[in-house]
Amino acid sequence: EMLLKCFAFNLIGQDEADAQLRHQRHLHQAQLDFYLQLQRQLEARHGALSQTPDPILFWNAQCLFHAIEFERMYLQWCEDALNRHRDFRALCHTDQTNGAD
């Protein structure tokens, strides 16, 4: 859903685009924190999840590992998008300033 919104960010203010990206970053950081806590709890109870002999726990852990990696990837995308947008804004400001000469 967020990627679809990004396609229309040119229709909203630049500060609002940044605010939406920061909001998504906050939501996904909270989700990552939850997954990492769950992993710690499971490992405290069962030991290394990837070495369990329990097939149900093993495959549930694989889903958890994927969810953790997805959240990390999404957080990195938010950071990259915010940084690129900052650079884009600076470039546009420079172009406008140079065009005024």
PDB file of N, CA and C in Angstrom:
ATOM      1  N   GLU A   1       0.825  -1.198   0.000  1.00  0.00           N
ATOM      2  CA  GLU A   1       0.000   0.000   0.000  1.00  0.00           C
ATOM      3  C   GLU A   1       0.868   1.261   0.000  1.00  0.00           C
ATOM      4  N   MET A   2       1.937   1.247   0.799  1.00  0.00           N
ATOM      5  CA  MET A   2       2.788   2.435   0.875  1.00  0.00           C
ATOM      6  C   MET A   2       3.471   2.726  -0.453  1.00  0.00           C
ATOM      7  N   LEU A   3       3.892   1.697  -1.151  1.00  0.00           N
ATOM      8  CA  LEU A   3       4.537   1.928  -2.441  1.00  0.00           C
ATOM      9  C   LEU A   3       3.563   2.561  -3.430  1.00  0.00           C
ATOM     10  N   LEU A   4       2.318   2.166  -3.367  1.00  0.00           N
ATOM     11  CA  LEU A   4       1.301   2.770  -4.222  1.00  0.00           C
ATOM     12  C   LEU A   4       1.128   4.246  -3.873  1.00  0.00           C
ATOM     13  N   LYS A   5       1.129   4.557  -2.582  1.00  0.00           N
ATOM     14  CA  LYS A   5       1.033   5.952  -2.167  1.00  0.00           C
ATOM     15  C   LYS A   5       2.209   6.763  -2.696  1.00  0.00           C
ATOM     16  N   CYS A   6       3.382   6.152  -2.701  1.00  0.00           N
ATOM     17  CA  CYS A   6       4.580   6.866  -3.178  1.00  0.00           C
ATOM     18  C   CYS A   6       4.426   7.319  -4.624  1.00  0.00           C
ATOM     19  N   PHE A   7       3.719   6.548  -5.421  1.00  0.00           N
ATOM     20  CA  PHE A   7       3.513   6.939  -6.807  1.00  0.00           C
ATOM     21  C   PHE A   7       2.756   8.261  -6.903  1.00  0.00           C
ATOM     22  N   ALA A   8       2.013   8.609  -5.863  1.00  0.00           N
ATOM     23  CA  ALA A   8       1.218   9.839  -5.878  1.00  0.00           C
ATOM     24  C   ALA A   8       1.804  10.925  -4.973  1.00  0.00           C
ATOM     25  N   PHE A   9       3.000  10.723  -4.444  1.00  0.00           N
ATOM     26  CA  PHE A   9       3.587  11.723  -3.551  1.00  0.00           C
ATOM     27  C   PHE A   9       3.806  13.068  -4.243  1.00  0.00           C
ATOM     28  N   ASN A  10       3.870  13.070  -5.547  1.00  0.00           N
ATOM     29  CA  ASN A  10       4.003  14.350  -6.240  1.00  0.00           C
ATOM     30  C   ASN A  10       2.741  15.206  -6.106  1.00  0.00           C
ATOM     31  N   LEU A  11       1.653  14.597  -5.643  1.00  0.00           N
ATOM     32  CA  LEU A  11       0.392  15.331  -5.496  1.00  0.00           C
ATOM     33  C   LEU A  11       0.226  15.949  -4.112  1.00  0.00           C
ATOM     34  N   ILE A  12       1.129  15.616  -3.197  1.00  0.00           N
ATOM     35  CA  ILE A  12       1.045  16.167  -1.843  1.00  0.00           C
ATOM     36  C   ILE A  12       2.310  16.975  -1.575  1.00  0.00           C
ATOM     37  N   GLY A  13       2.302  17.724  -0.518  1.00  0.00           N
ATOM     38  CA  GLY A  13       3.465  18.521  -0.160  1.00  0.00           C
ATOM     39  C   GLY A  13       4.663  17.648   0.193  1.00  0.00           C
ATOM     40  N   GLN A  14       5.842  18.196  -0.012  1.00  0.00           N
ATOM     41  CA  GLN A  14       7.052  17.440   0.258  1.00  0.00           C
ATOM     42  C   GLN A  14       7.184  17.104   1.747  1.00  0.00           C
ATOM     43  N   ASP A  15       6.787  18.012   2.621  1.00  0.00           N
ATOM     44  CA  ASP A  15       6.842  17.731   4.055  1.00  0.00           C
ATOM     45  C   ASP A  15       5.878  16.612   4.435  1.00  0.00           C
ATOM     46  N   GLU A  16       4.727  16.580   3.782  1.00  0.00           N
ATOM     47  CA  GLU A  16       3.752  15.514   4.049  1.00  0.00           C
ATOM     48  C   GLU A  16       4.299  14.168   3.567  1.00  0.00           C
ATOM     49  N   ALA A  17       4.980  14.149   2.441  1.00  0.00           N
ATOM     50  CA  ALA A  17       5.595  12.909   1.964  1.00  0.00           C
ATOM     51  C   ALA A  17       6.601  12.398   2.988  1.00  0.00           C
ATOM     52  N   ASP A  18       7.451  13.293   3.485  1.00  0.00           N
ATOM     53  CA  ASP A  18       8.423  12.901   4.513  1.00  0.00           C
ATOM     54  C   ASP A  18       7.719  12.405   5.770  1.00  0.00           C
ATOM     55  N   ALA A  19       6.648  13.072   6.156  1.00  0.00           N
ATOM     56  CA  ALA A  19       5.916  12.673   7.359  1.00  0.00           C
ATOM     57  C   ALA A  19       5.331  11.268   7.203  1.00  0.00           C
ATOM     58  N   GLN A  20       4.822  10.970   6.028  1.00  0.00           N
ATOM     59  CA  GLN A  20       4.271   9.637   5.801  1.00  0.00           C
ATOM     60  C   GLN A  20       5.369   8.579   5.848  1.00  0.00           C
ATOM     61  N   LEU A  21       6.518   8.880   5.276  1.00  0.00           N
ATOM     62  CA  LEU A  21       7.638   7.939   5.333  1.00  0.00           C
ATOM     63  C   LEU A  21       8.117   7.732   6.768  1.00  0.00           C
ATOM     64  N   ARG A  22       8.194   8.810   7.536  1.00  0.00           N
ATOM     65  CA  ARG A  22       8.595   8.685   8.944  1.00  0.00           C
ATOM     66  C   ARG A  22       7.562   7.880   9.737  1.00  0.00           C
ATOM     67  N   HIS A  23       6.292   8.082   9.433  1.00  0.00           N
ATOM     68  CA  HIS A  23       5.232   7.322  10.109  1.00  0.00           C
ATOM     69  C   HIS A  23       5.365   5.830   9.793  1.00  0.00           C
ATOM     70  N   GLN A  24       5.590   5.509   8.547  1.00  0.00           N
ATOM     71  CA  GLN A  24       5.779   4.107   8.162  1.00  0.00           C
ATOM     72  C   GLN A  24       7.008   3.522   8.851  1.00  0.00           C
ATOM     73  N   ARG A  25       8.061   4.310   8.924  1.00  0.00           N
ATOM     74  CA  ARG A  25       9.282   3.857   9.590  1.00  0.00           C
ATOM     75  C   ARG A  25       8.975   3.534  11.058  1.00  0.00           C
ATOM     76  N   HIS A  26       8.210   4.401  11.699  1.00  0.00           N
ATOM     77  CA  HIS A  26       7.843   4.181  13.103  1.00  0.00           C
ATOM     78  C   HIS A  26       7.024   2.893  13.263  1.00  0.00           C
ATOM     79  N   LEU A  27       6.032   2.698  12.410  1.00  0.00           N
ATOM     80  CA  LEU A  27       5.189   1.502  12.484  1.00  0.00           C
ATOM     81  C   LEU A  27       6.006   0.230  12.294  1.00  0.00           C
ATOM     82  N   HIS A  28       6.891   0.255  11.298  1.00  0.00           N
ATOM     83  CA  HIS A  28       7.671  -0.944  10.997  1.00  0.00           C
ATOM     84  C   HIS A  28       8.766  -1.185  12.035  1.00  0.00           C
ATOM     85  N   GLN A  29       9.265  -0.134  12.671  1.00  0.00           N
ATOM     86  CA  GLN A  29      10.220  -0.328  13.756  1.00  0.00           C
ATOM     87  C   GLN A  29       9.529  -1.004  14.936  1.00  0.00           C
ATOM     88  N   ALA A  30       8.313  -0.593  15.229  1.00  0.00           N
ATOM     89  CA  ALA A  30       7.554  -1.222  16.305  1.00  0.00           C
ATOM     90  C   ALA A  30       7.290  -2.693  15.992  1.00  0.00           C
ATOM     91  N   GLN A  31       6.966  -2.987  14.741  1.00  0.00           N
ATOM     92  CA  GLN A  31       6.718  -4.380  14.353  1.00  0.00           C
ATOM     93  C   GLN A  31       8.003  -5.199  14.459  1.00  0.00           C
ATOM     94  N   LEU A  32       9.127  -4.635  14.021  1.00  0.00           N
ATOM     95  CA  LEU A  32      10.411  -5.323  14.141  1.00  0.00           C
ATOM     96  C   LEU A  32      10.738  -5.587  15.608  1.00  0.00           C
ATOM     97  N   ASP A  33      10.541  -4.593  16.445  1.00  0.00           N
ATOM     98  CA  ASP A  33      10.805  -4.767  17.873  1.00  0.00           C
ATOM     99  C   ASP A  33       9.969  -5.917  18.453  1.00  0.00           C
ATOM    100  N   PHE A  34       8.710  -5.997  18.041  1.00  0.00           N
ATOM    101  CA  PHE A  34       7.841  -7.080  18.498  1.00  0.00           C
ATOM    102  C   PHE A  34       8.385  -8.441  18.060  1.00  0.00           C
ATOM    103  N   TYR A  35       8.755  -8.552  16.789  1.00  0.00           N
ATOM    104  CA  TYR A  35       9.283  -9.823  16.275  1.00  0.00           C
ATOM    105  C   TYR A  35      10.582 -10.217  16.969  1.00  0.00           C
ATOM    106  N   LEU A  36      11.455  -9.248  17.212  1.00  0.00           N
ATOM    107  CA  LEU A  36      12.723  -9.551  17.878  1.00  0.00           C
ATOM    108  C   LEU A  36      12.488 -10.001  19.318  1.00  0.00           C
ATOM    109  N   GLN A  37      11.535  -9.379  19.983  1.00  0.00           N
ATOM    110  CA  GLN A  37      11.180  -9.803  21.343  1.00  0.00           C
ATOM    111  C   GLN A  37      10.612 -11.218  21.328  1.00  0.00           C
ATOM    112  N   LEU A  38       9.776 -11.506  20.366  1.00  0.00           N
ATOM    113  CA  LEU A  38       9.214 -12.843  20.231  1.00  0.00           C
ATOM    114  C   LEU A  38      10.328 -13.861  19.990  1.00  0.00           C
ATOM    115  N   GLN A  39      11.273 -13.525  19.146  1.00  0.00           N
ATOM    116  CA  GLN A  39      12.403 -14.416  18.892  1.00  0.00           C
ATOM    117  C   GLN A  39      13.197 -14.669  20.182  1.00  0.00           C
ATOM    118  N   ARG A  40      13.466 -13.614  20.936  1.00  0.00           N
ATOM    119  CA  ARG A  40      14.189 -13.776  22.201  1.00  0.00           C
ATOM    120  C   ARG A  40      13.426 -14.681  23.175  1.00  0.00           C
ATOM    121  N   GLN A  41      12.121 -14.483  23.252  1.00  0.00           N
ATOM    122  CA  GLN A  41      11.305 -15.309  24.152  1.00  0.00           C
ATOM    123  C   GLN A  41      11.318 -16.777  23.723  1.00  0.00           C
ATOM    124  N   LEU A  42      11.165 -17.002  22.436  1.00  0.00           N
ATOM    125  CA  LEU A  42      11.163 -18.382  21.942  1.00  0.00           C
ATOM    126  C   LEU A  42      12.518 -19.045  22.151  1.00  0.00           C
ATOM    127  N   GLU A  43      13.587 -18.291  21.896  1.00  0.00           N
ATOM    128  CA  GLU A  43      14.920 -18.861  22.084  1.00  0.00           C
ATOM    129  C   GLU A  43      15.215 -19.113  23.566  1.00  0.00           C
ATOM    130  N   ALA A  44      14.710 -18.266  24.445  1.00  0.00           N
ATOM    131  CA  ALA A  44      14.898 -18.487  25.878  1.00  0.00           C
ATOM    132  C   ALA A  44      14.180 -19.770  26.321  1.00  0.00           C
ATOM    133  N   ARG A  45      13.074 -20.035  25.692  1.00  0.00           N
ATOM    134  CA  ARG A  45      12.277 -21.214  26.066  1.00  0.00           C
ATOM    135  C   ARG A  45      12.744 -22.491  25.376  1.00  0.00           C
ATOM    136  N   HIS A  46      13.147 -22.361  24.081  1.00  0.00           N
ATOM    137  CA  HIS A  46      13.420 -23.553  23.270  1.00  0.00           C
ATOM    138  C   HIS A  46      14.870 -23.689  22.808  1.00  0.00           C
ATOM    139  N   GLY A  47      15.692 -22.691  23.049  1.00  0.00           N
ATOM    140  CA  GLY A  47      17.053 -22.720  22.515  1.00  0.00           C
ATOM    141  C   GLY A  47      17.065 -22.205  21.083  1.00  0.00           C
ATOM    142  N   ALA A  48      18.152 -22.504  20.377  1.00  0.00           N
ATOM    143  CA  ALA A  48      18.309 -22.013  18.990  1.00  0.00           C
ATOM    144  C   ALA A  48      17.159 -22.525  18.119  1.00  0.00           C
ATOM    145  N   LEU A  49      16.407 -21.609  17.555  1.00  0.00           N
ATOM    146  CA  LEU A  49      15.210 -21.981  16.801  1.00  0.00           C
ATOM    147  C   LEU A  49      15.527 -22.743  15.522  1.00  0.00           C
ATOM    148  N   SER A  50      16.643 -22.445  14.901  1.00  0.00           N
ATOM    149  CA  SER A  50      16.987 -23.133  13.653  1.00  0.00           C
ATOM    150  C   SER A  50      17.545 -24.533  13.906  1.00  0.00           C
ATOM    151  N   GLN A  51      17.759 -24.886  15.183  1.00  0.00           N
ATOM    152  CA  GLN A  51      18.297 -26.211  15.516  1.00  0.00           C
ATOM    153  C   GLN A  51      17.307 -27.071  16.296  1.00  0.00           C
ATOM    154  N   THR A  52      16.073 -26.637  16.356  1.00  0.00           N
ATOM    155  CA  THR A  52      15.064 -27.402  17.086  1.00  0.00           C
ATOM    156  C   THR A  52      14.696 -28.683  16.331  1.00  0.00           C
ATOM    157  N   PRO A  53      14.431 -29.757  17.053  1.00  0.00           N
ATOM    158  CA  PRO A  53      13.949 -30.970  16.396  1.00  0.00           C
ATOM    159  C   PRO A  53      12.430 -30.941  16.136  1.00  0.00           C
ATOM    160  N   ASP A  54      11.760 -29.932  16.667  1.00  0.00           N
ATOM    161  CA  ASP A  54      10.306 -29.800  16.519  1.00  0.00           C
ATOM    162  C   ASP A  54       9.994 -29.181  15.157  1.00  0.00           C
ATOM    163  N   PRO A  55       9.360 -29.925  14.249  1.00  0.00           N
ATOM    164  CA  PRO A  55       9.111 -29.379  12.909  1.00  0.00           C
ATOM    165  C   PRO A  55       8.161 -28.176  12.908  1.00  0.00           C
ATOM    166  N   ILE A  56       7.203 -28.165  13.822  1.00  0.00           N
ATOM    167  CA  ILE A  56       6.276 -27.026  13.880  1.00  0.00           C
ATOM    168  C   ILE A  56       7.039 -25.772  14.298  1.00  0.00           C
ATOM    169  N   LEU A  57       7.822 -25.875  15.354  1.00  0.00           N
ATOM    170  CA  LEU A  57       8.612 -24.736  15.808  1.00  0.00           C
ATOM    171  C   LEU A  57       9.622 -24.315  14.748  1.00  0.00           C
ATOM    172  N   PHE A  58      10.237 -25.288  14.091  1.00  0.00           N
ATOM    173  CA  PHE A  58      11.222 -24.973  13.053  1.00  0.00           C
ATOM    174  C   PHE A  58      10.599 -24.118  11.947  1.00  0.00           C
ATOM    175  N   TRP A  59       9.454 -24.543  11.433  1.00  0.00           N
ATOM    176  CA  TRP A  59       8.852 -23.804  10.319  1.00  0.00           C
ATOM    177  C   TRP A  59       8.223 -22.492  10.775  1.00  0.00           C
ATOM    178  N   ASN A  60       7.693 -22.465  11.986  1.00  0.00           N
ATOM    179  CA  ASN A  60       7.222 -21.184  12.512  1.00  0.00           C
ATOM    180  C   ASN A  60       8.374 -20.201  12.653  1.00  0.00           C
ATOM    181  N   ALA A  61       9.517 -20.710  13.085  1.00  0.00           N
ATOM    182  CA  ALA A  61      10.703 -19.856  13.212  1.00  0.00           C
ATOM    183  C   ALA A  61      11.141 -19.334  11.851  1.00  0.00           C
ATOM    184  N   GLN A  62      11.028 -20.176  10.812  1.00  0.00           N
ATOM    185  CA  GLN A  62      11.410 -19.713   9.475  1.00  0.00           C
ATOM    186  C   GLN A  62      10.533 -18.532   9.045  1.00  0.00           C
ATOM    187  N   CYS A  63       9.260 -18.608   9.362  1.00  0.00           N
ATOM    188  CA  CYS A  63       8.357 -17.487   9.065  1.00  0.00           C
ATOM    189  C   CYS A  63       8.746 -16.259   9.877  1.00  0.00           C
ATOM    190  N   LEU A  64       9.101 -16.458  11.124  1.00  0.00           N
ATOM    191  CA  LEU A  64       9.529 -15.344  11.969  1.00  0.00           C
ATOM    192  C   LEU A  64      10.803 -14.712  11.428  1.00  0.00           C
ATOM    193  N   PHE A  65      11.771 -15.526  11.023  1.00  0.00           N
ATOM    194  CA  PHE A  65      13.018 -14.994  10.453  1.00  0.00           C
ATOM    195  C   PHE A  65      12.723 -14.164   9.205  1.00  0.00           C
ATOM    196  N   HIS A  66      11.814 -14.651   8.386  1.00  0.00           N
ATOM    197  CA  HIS A  66      11.448 -13.892   7.177  1.00  0.00           C
ATOM    198  C   HIS A  66      10.787 -12.567   7.550  1.00  0.00           C
ATOM    199  N   ALA A  67       9.902 -12.606   8.533  1.00  0.00           N
ATOM    200  CA  ALA A  67       9.220 -11.379   8.966  1.00  0.00           C
ATOM    201  C   ALA A  67      10.232 -10.364   9.492  1.00  0.00           C
ATOM    202  N   ILE A  68      11.220 -10.829  10.235  1.00  0.00           N
ATOM    203  CA  ILE A  68      12.257  -9.933  10.755  1.00  0.00           C
ATOM    204  C   ILE A  68      13.042  -9.314   9.609  1.00  0.00           C
ATOM    205  N   GLU A  69      13.433 -10.121   8.654  1.00  0.00           N
ATOM    206  CA  GLU A  69      14.187  -9.591   7.510  1.00  0.00           C
ATOM    207  C   GLU A  69      13.349  -8.625   6.679  1.00  0.00           C
ATOM    208  N   PHE A  70      12.061  -8.928   6.525  1.00  0.00           N
ATOM    209  CA  PHE A  70      11.180  -8.014   5.789  1.00  0.00           C
ATOM    210  C   PHE A  70      11.122  -6.662   6.484  1.00  0.00           C
ATOM    211  N   GLU A  71      10.949  -6.648   7.793  1.00  0.00           N
ATOM    212  CA  GLU A  71      10.868  -5.381   8.517  1.00  0.00           C
ATOM    213  C   GLU A  71      12.185  -4.612   8.408  1.00  0.00           C
ATOM    214  N   ARG A  72      13.295  -5.298   8.499  1.00  0.00           N
ATOM    215  CA  ARG A  72      14.594  -4.635   8.330  1.00  0.00           C
ATOM    216  C   ARG A  72      14.729  -4.032   6.937  1.00  0.00           C
ATOM    217  N   MET A  73      14.295  -4.788   5.929  1.00  0.00           N
ATOM    218  CA  MET A  73      14.344  -4.290   4.548  1.00  0.00           C
ATOM    219  C   MET A  73      13.451  -3.068   4.390  1.00  0.00           C
ATOM    220  N   TYR A  74      12.260  -3.106   4.976  1.00  0.00           N
ATOM    221  CA  TYR A  74      11.320  -1.996   4.849  1.00  0.00           C
ATOM    222  C   TYR A  74      11.856  -0.755   5.553  1.00  0.00           C
ATOM    223  N   LEU A  75      12.453  -0.951   6.728  1.00  0.00           N
ATOM    224  CA  LEU A  75      13.051   0.179   7.441  1.00  0.00           C
ATOM    225  C   LEU A  75      14.187   0.791   6.630  1.00  0.00           C
ATOM    226  N   GLN A  76      14.994  -0.040   5.995  1.00  0.00           N
ATOM    227  CA  GLN A  76      16.072   0.470   5.160  1.00  0.00           C
ATOM    228  C   GLN A  76      15.510   1.238   3.975  1.00  0.00           C
ATOM    229  N   TRP A  77      14.419   0.740   3.395  1.00  0.00           N
ATOM    230  CA  TRP A  77      13.788   1.445   2.284  1.00  0.00           C
ATOM    231  C   TRP A  77      13.291   2.817   2.736  1.00  0.00           C
ATOM    232  N   CYS A  78      12.679   2.885   3.914  1.00  0.00           N
ATOM    233  CA  CYS A  78      12.208   4.178   4.438  1.00  0.00           C
ATOM    234  C   CYS A  78      13.379   5.145   4.596  1.00  0.00           C
ATOM    235  N   GLU A  79      14.469   4.676   5.171  1.00  0.00           N
ATOM    236  CA  GLU A  79      15.658   5.524   5.350  1.00  0.00           C
ATOM    237  C   GLU A  79      16.194   5.988   4.003  1.00  0.00           C
ATOM    238  N   ASP A  80      16.308   5.058   3.069  1.00  0.00           N
ATOM    239  CA  ASP A  80      16.819   5.401   1.737  1.00  0.00           C
ATOM    240  C   ASP A  80      15.908   6.415   1.045  1.00  0.00           C
ATOM    241  N   ALA A  81      14.611   6.199   1.136  1.00  0.00           N
ATOM    242  CA  ALA A  81      13.657   7.111   0.494  1.00  0.00           C
ATOM    243  C   ALA A  81      13.735   8.507   1.117  1.00  0.00           C
ATOM    244  N   LEU A  82      13.833   8.571   2.426  1.00  0.00           N
ATOM    245  CA  LEU A  82      13.951   9.876   3.091  1.00  0.00           C
ATOM    246  C   LEU A  82      15.252  10.574   2.692  1.00  0.00           C
ATOM    247  N   ASN A  83      16.344   9.839   2.657  1.00  0.00           N
ATOM    248  CA  ASN A  83      17.628  10.433   2.259  1.00  0.00           C
ATOM    249  C   ASN A  83      17.617  10.886   0.805  1.00  0.00           C
ATOM    250  N   ARG A  84      17.077  10.055  -0.064  1.00  0.00           N
ATOM    251  CA  ARG A  84      17.000  10.434  -1.484  1.00  0.00           C
ATOM    252  C   ARG A  84      16.079  11.633  -1.681  1.00  0.00           C
ATOM    253  N   HIS A  85      14.993  11.689  -0.902  1.00  0.00           N
ATOM    254  CA  HIS A  85      14.084  12.826  -1.015  1.00  0.00           C
ATOM    255  C   HIS A  85      14.764  14.103  -0.532  1.00  0.00           C
ATOM    256  N   ARG A  86      15.532  14.001   0.539  1.00  0.00           N
ATOM    257  CA  ARG A  86      16.297  15.156   1.022  1.00  0.00           C
ATOM    258  C   ARG A  86      17.233  15.657  -0.085  1.00  0.00           C
ATOM    259  N   ASP A  87      17.946  14.733  -0.729  1.00  0.00           N
ATOM    260  CA  ASP A  87      18.857  15.109  -1.815  1.00  0.00           C
ATOM    261  C   ASP A  87      18.097  15.698  -2.997  1.00  0.00           C
ATOM    262  N   PHE A  88      16.948  15.116  -3.294  1.00  0.00           N
ATOM    263  CA  PHE A  88      16.110  15.610  -4.387  1.00  0.00           C
ATOM    264  C   PHE A  88      15.636  17.029  -4.108  1.00  0.00           C
ATOM    265  N   ARG A  89      15.214  17.264  -2.875  1.00  0.00           N
ATOM    266  CA  ARG A  89      14.755  18.602  -2.501  1.00  0.00           C
ATOM    267  C   ARG A  89      15.897  19.609  -2.619  1.00  0.00           C
ATOM    268  N   ALA A  90      17.072  19.216  -2.205  1.00  0.00           N
ATOM    269  CA  ALA A  90      18.233  20.117  -2.305  1.00  0.00           C
ATOM    270  C   ALA A  90      18.555  20.405  -3.764  1.00  0.00           C
ATOM    271  N   LEU A  91      18.477  19.388  -4.596  1.00  0.00           N
ATOM    272  CA  LEU A  91      18.743  19.563  -6.026  1.00  0.00           C
ATOM    273  C   LEU A  91      17.711  20.499  -6.653  1.00  0.00           C
ATOM    274  N   CYS A  92      16.457  20.292  -6.326  1.00  0.00           N
ATOM    275  CA  CYS A  92      15.397  21.158  -6.869  1.00  0.00           C
ATOM    276  C   CYS A  92      15.576  22.595  -6.393  1.00  0.00           C
ATOM    277  N   HIS A  93      15.967  22.757  -5.135  1.00  0.00           N
ATOM    278  CA  HIS A  93      16.204  24.099  -4.598  1.00  0.00           C
ATOM    279  C   HIS A  93      17.380  24.761  -5.325  1.00  0.00           C
ATOM    280  N   THR A  94      18.437  23.999  -5.568  1.00  0.00           N
ATOM    281  CA  THR A  94      19.606  24.505  -6.292  1.00  0.00           C
ATOM    282  C   THR A  94      19.229  24.888  -7.715  1.00  0.00           C
ATOM    283  N   ASP A  95      18.453  24.033  -8.368  1.00  0.00           N
ATOM    284  CA  ASP A  95      18.019  24.323  -9.742  1.00  0.00           C
ATOM    285  C   ASP A  95      17.158  25.572  -9.800  1.00  0.00           C
ATOM    286  N   GLN A  96      16.293  25.756  -8.811  1.00  0.00           N
ATOM    287  CA  GLN A  96      15.448  26.960  -8.774  1.00  0.00           C
ATOM    288  C   GLN A  96      16.288  28.199  -8.517  1.00  0.00           C
ATOM    289  N   THR A  97      17.275  28.071  -7.656  1.00  0.00           N
ATOM    290  CA  THR A  97      18.148  29.189  -7.343  1.00  0.00           C
ATOM    291  C   THR A  97      18.985  29.571  -8.571  1.00  0.00           C
ATOM    292  N   ASN A  98      19.520  28.567  -9.254  1.00  0.00           N
ATOM    293  CA  ASN A  98      20.329  28.822 -10.454  1.00  0.00           C
ATOM    294  C   ASN A  98      19.484  29.356 -11.597  1.00  0.00           C
ATOM    295  N   GLY A  99      18.239  28.942 -11.659  1.00  0.00           N
ATOM    296  CA  GLY A  99      17.363  29.418 -12.727  1.00  0.00           C
ATOM    297  C   GLY A  99      16.955  30.872 -12.552  1.00  0.00           C
ATOM    298  N   ALA A 100      17.126  31.404 -11.355  1.00  0.00           N
ATOM    299  CA  ALA A 100      16.730  32.786 -11.088  1.00  0.00           C
ATOM    300  C   ALA A 100      17.753  33.780 -11.613  1.00  0.00           C
ATOM    301  N   ASP A 101      18.939  33.299 -12.010  1.00  0.00           N
ATOM    302  CA  ASP A 101      19.986  34.222 -12.494  1.00  0.00           C
ATOM    303  C   ASP A 101      19.672  34.787 -13.842  1.00  0.00           C
TER     304      ASP A 101
END
